[in-house]
Protein backbone atom coordinates (compact mmCIF):
# COMPACT_ATOMS: atom_id res chain seq x y z
CA SER A 1 -20.10 4.20 -14.09
CA ALA A 2 -17.45 5.03 -11.19
CA LYS A 3 -14.15 6.36 -11.91
CA VAL A 4 -10.65 6.05 -10.07
CA LEU A 5 -8.33 8.67 -10.07
CA ILE A 6 -5.00 8.94 -8.60
CA LEU A 7 -4.04 12.47 -7.55
CA TYR A 8 -0.79 13.84 -6.61
CA HIS A 9 -0.39 16.74 -4.43
CA LYS A 10 -4.08 16.47 -3.26
CA GLN A 11 -5.10 18.88 -6.24
CA ALA A 12 -9.17 19.56 -6.18
CA ILE A 13 -11.52 18.16 -8.85
CA CYS A 14 -12.79 20.78 -11.22
CA GLY A 15 -14.34 20.16 -14.58
CA ALA A 16 -16.30 17.51 -16.41
CA GLU A 17 -15.98 15.27 -13.64
CA LYS A 18 -18.02 17.00 -11.02
CA GLY A 19 -21.08 15.11 -10.09
CA GLU A 20 -20.04 11.67 -11.29
CA PRO A 21 -19.24 9.05 -8.76
CA VAL A 22 -15.41 9.06 -8.07
CA ALA A 23 -12.84 7.24 -6.16
CA LEU A 24 -9.62 9.07 -5.35
CA PHE A 25 -6.19 8.11 -4.38
CA LEU A 26 -4.31 10.84 -2.73
CA SER A 27 -0.26 10.88 -2.56
CA PRO A 28 1.58 11.98 0.02
CA SER A 29 3.09 15.42 -0.24
CA PRO A 30 5.74 15.29 -3.16
CA PHE A 31 8.11 17.54 -0.92
CA SER A 32 8.00 14.72 1.82
CA THR A 33 11.15 12.47 1.31
CA ILE A 34 10.65 9.45 3.06
CA PRO A 35 13.50 8.96 5.38
CA GLY A 36 15.76 5.91 4.73
CA ALA A 37 14.07 5.27 1.19
CA VAL A 38 16.31 5.42 -1.77
CA ASP A 39 15.46 9.05 -3.29
CA SER A 40 12.88 8.36 -5.46
CA SER A 41 12.71 11.71 -6.92
CA ARG A 42 15.64 10.94 -8.87
CA HIS A 43 13.93 7.53 -10.10
CA PRO A 44 12.75 7.69 -13.58
CA SER A 45 9.65 5.84 -12.75
CA GLY A 46 8.14 8.52 -10.47
CA SER A 47 7.52 9.00 -6.89
CA LEU A 48 7.52 5.95 -4.34
CA PHE A 49 3.82 6.27 -4.21
CA THR A 50 3.67 5.56 -7.98
CA SER A 51 5.97 2.60 -7.54
CA PHE A 52 3.76 1.05 -4.70
CA LEU A 53 0.88 1.19 -7.48
CA SER A 54 2.77 -0.35 -10.31
CA ALA A 55 5.18 -2.55 -8.60
CA PRO A 56 4.36 -2.82 -4.73
CA LEU A 57 7.52 -5.37 -4.01
CA GLN A 58 10.04 -3.26 -5.77
CA ALA A 59 8.87 0.12 -4.20
CA PHE A 60 8.84 -2.02 -0.69
CA ILE A 61 12.60 -2.82 -1.33
CA LEU A 62 13.34 0.77 -2.34
CA LEU A 63 11.72 2.08 0.92
CA LEU A 64 14.17 -0.01 3.03
CA GLY A 65 17.11 1.34 0.93
CA PHE A 66 17.66 -1.74 -1.02
CA SER A 67 18.33 -1.94 -4.56
CA SER A 68 17.21 -5.07 -6.53
CA THR A 69 20.42 -6.24 -6.90
CA ASP A 70 20.71 -6.57 -3.06
CA ILE A 71 18.25 -8.91 -2.92
CA GLU A 72 18.74 -12.52 -3.65
CA MET A 73 16.08 -14.15 -6.23
CA ASP A 74 14.80 -16.90 -3.64
CA THR A 75 14.23 -13.97 -1.11
CA PHE A 76 12.18 -11.88 -3.74
CA ASN A 77 10.41 -14.66 -5.10
CA LYS A 78 9.14 -15.76 -1.07
CA ALA A 79 8.29 -12.10 -0.51
CA GLU A 80 6.25 -11.82 -4.01
CA LYS A 81 4.37 -15.07 -2.93
CA LEU A 82 3.58 -13.31 0.64
CA LEU A 83 2.69 -10.06 -0.89
CA SER A 84 0.48 -12.07 -3.22
CA GLN A 85 -1.29 -13.96 -0.75
CA SER A 86 -1.70 -10.71 1.47
CA LEU A 87 -3.37 -8.80 -1.60
CA ASP A 88 -5.56 -11.79 -1.92
CA GLN A 89 -6.79 -11.76 1.60
CA PHE A 90 -7.25 -7.86 1.35
CA GLY A 91 -9.63 -8.51 -1.74
CA SER A 92 -11.78 -11.15 -0.07
CA THR A 93 -11.83 -8.67 3.04
CA LEU A 94 -13.09 -5.98 0.85
CA ALA A 95 -15.44 -8.00 -1.06
CA THR A 96 -17.01 -9.27 2.11
CA SER A 97 -17.23 -6.03 4.04
CA ASP A 98 -20.87 -4.49 4.57
CA LYS A 99 -19.29 -0.94 4.96
CA LEU A 100 -17.82 -0.95 1.49
CA ASP A 101 -18.72 2.16 -0.33
CA ALA A 102 -20.74 1.51 -3.52
CA VAL A 103 -18.01 3.18 -5.52
CA TRP A 104 -15.37 1.04 -4.23
CA ALA A 105 -17.56 -1.92 -4.78
CA GLN A 106 -18.22 -1.11 -8.44
CA ALA A 107 -14.30 -0.47 -9.11
CA LEU A 108 -13.45 -3.99 -7.31
CA SER A 109 -15.33 -5.58 -10.36
CA ASP A 110 -12.60 -4.47 -12.84
CA PRO A 111 -9.54 -6.44 -12.30
CA PHE A 112 -7.21 -3.51 -13.21
CA LEU A 113 -8.92 -1.03 -10.62
CA ARG A 114 -9.04 -3.83 -8.17
CA ARG A 115 -5.10 -4.48 -8.31
CA LEU A 116 -4.93 -0.68 -7.96
CA ILE A 117 -7.21 -0.63 -4.90
CA LEU A 118 -5.11 -3.76 -3.23
CA ARG A 119 -1.93 -2.16 -4.09
CA PHE A 120 -2.85 1.19 -2.52
CA MET A 121 -4.15 -0.58 0.44
CA PHE A 122 -0.44 -2.13 0.75
CA CYS A 123 1.22 1.13 0.41
CA ARG A 124 -0.82 2.58 2.91
CA ALA A 125 -0.08 0.14 5.50
CA VAL A 126 3.48 0.02 4.73
CA LEU A 127 4.06 3.93 4.92
CA THR A 128 1.87 4.33 8.19
CA LEU A 129 3.62 1.29 9.83
CA TYR A 130 7.08 2.19 8.72
CA ALA A 131 8.96 3.77 11.55
CA PRO A 132 10.40 6.89 10.33
CA THR A 133 6.83 8.03 9.13
CA PHE A 134 4.86 6.23 11.87
CA ASN A 135 2.20 8.86 13.11
CA LYS A 136 3.32 11.48 10.40
CA LYS A 137 0.19 11.96 8.56
CA GLU A 138 2.11 13.94 5.73
CA TYR A 139 3.77 10.52 4.70
CA HIS A 140 0.46 8.84 4.44
CA PRO A 141 -1.41 8.20 1.20
CA GLU A 142 -5.38 8.57 1.57
CA CYS A 143 -8.57 7.83 -0.23
CA ILE A 144 -11.98 9.20 -0.70
CA PRO A 145 -14.30 7.77 0.09
CA CYS A 146 -12.67 5.91 2.96
CA LEU A 147 -12.30 2.30 2.67
CA PRO A 148 -13.86 0.25 5.79
CA GLU A 149 -12.20 0.00 8.86
CA VAL A 150 -11.48 -3.75 8.34
CA VAL A 151 -8.50 -3.04 6.05
CA GLN A 152 -7.37 0.04 8.06
CA PRO A 153 -3.47 0.11 8.47
CA SER A 154 -4.04 -0.55 12.19
CA THR A 155 -5.85 -3.65 11.56
CA VAL A 156 -4.22 -7.31 12.29
CA LEU A 157 -4.98 -8.01 8.44
CA CYS A 158 -2.54 -5.18 7.38
CA GLN A 159 0.13 -5.43 10.22
CA MET A 160 0.40 -9.01 9.18
CA ALA A 161 0.97 -8.27 5.21
CA VAL A 162 3.66 -5.72 6.42
CA LEU A 163 5.23 -8.01 8.65
CA GLN A 164 5.35 -10.85 6.51
CA VAL A 165 7.03 -9.01 3.70
CA ALA A 166 9.39 -7.27 6.05
CA SER A 167 10.44 -10.52 7.62
CA THR A 168 11.43 -11.87 4.05
CA PHE A 169 14.04 -8.99 4.10
CA GLY A 170 15.17 -8.91 7.92
CA ALA A 171 13.34 -5.70 8.22
CA THR A 172 10.57 -6.15 10.88
CA ASN A 173 12.35 -3.95 13.14
CA ARG A 174 11.72 -0.74 10.72
CA PHE A 175 8.02 -0.88 11.12
CA VAL A 176 5.97 0.15 14.42
CA LEU A 177 3.51 -2.98 14.91
CA SER A 178 0.66 -3.48 17.63
CA GLU A 179 1.91 -5.67 20.53
CA GLY A 180 0.99 -9.08 20.01
CA ILE A 181 1.71 -9.15 16.11
CA MET A 182 3.92 -12.07 15.31
CA LEU A 183 4.64 -14.09 12.43
CA PRO A 184 2.75 -17.57 12.73
CA GLU A 185 4.85 -20.69 13.76
CA GLY A 186 6.03 -22.26 10.69
CA ASN A 187 5.91 -19.58 8.21
CA ASP A 188 8.03 -20.87 5.71
CA ILE A 189 6.74 -20.80 2.07
């Protein structure tokens, strides 16, 4: 059976797991404090990467430099609905991809692992497109084996997910998006 490991600091595999099919999430360097984000090194729940995997919307809010008390409940609920829709689209796209590695395909059948994979994809898209970390690989999480090209941060699918969530917080200018990536008309939830 496939195993999904979350590795911090890009540690090497050594031991009993050798030879097993494995999928890895690799966090950005722990020494790379993300510019503009609330200092997550002092946050009791762990790194920003961990926050994205456990509570992606709260992590997004932290990245923007807000605290949960800065956000109105209606705004939070709207963003949560948009994020949920985006994660569903990520899952559908992965499930129908003919380029999906067998390890990821096997992991998708488990609801908990599926949720981690989809949240990882959102995290990677956000940190890749976030203006202060744009084109700075040390801030971008990675995964092994690679996920298909159709779900890379540069795709319209991923950019739209980030744009929709960012727009609810008035933060679209904090992300570097491809020309032509815009919210659809009547985007109210």
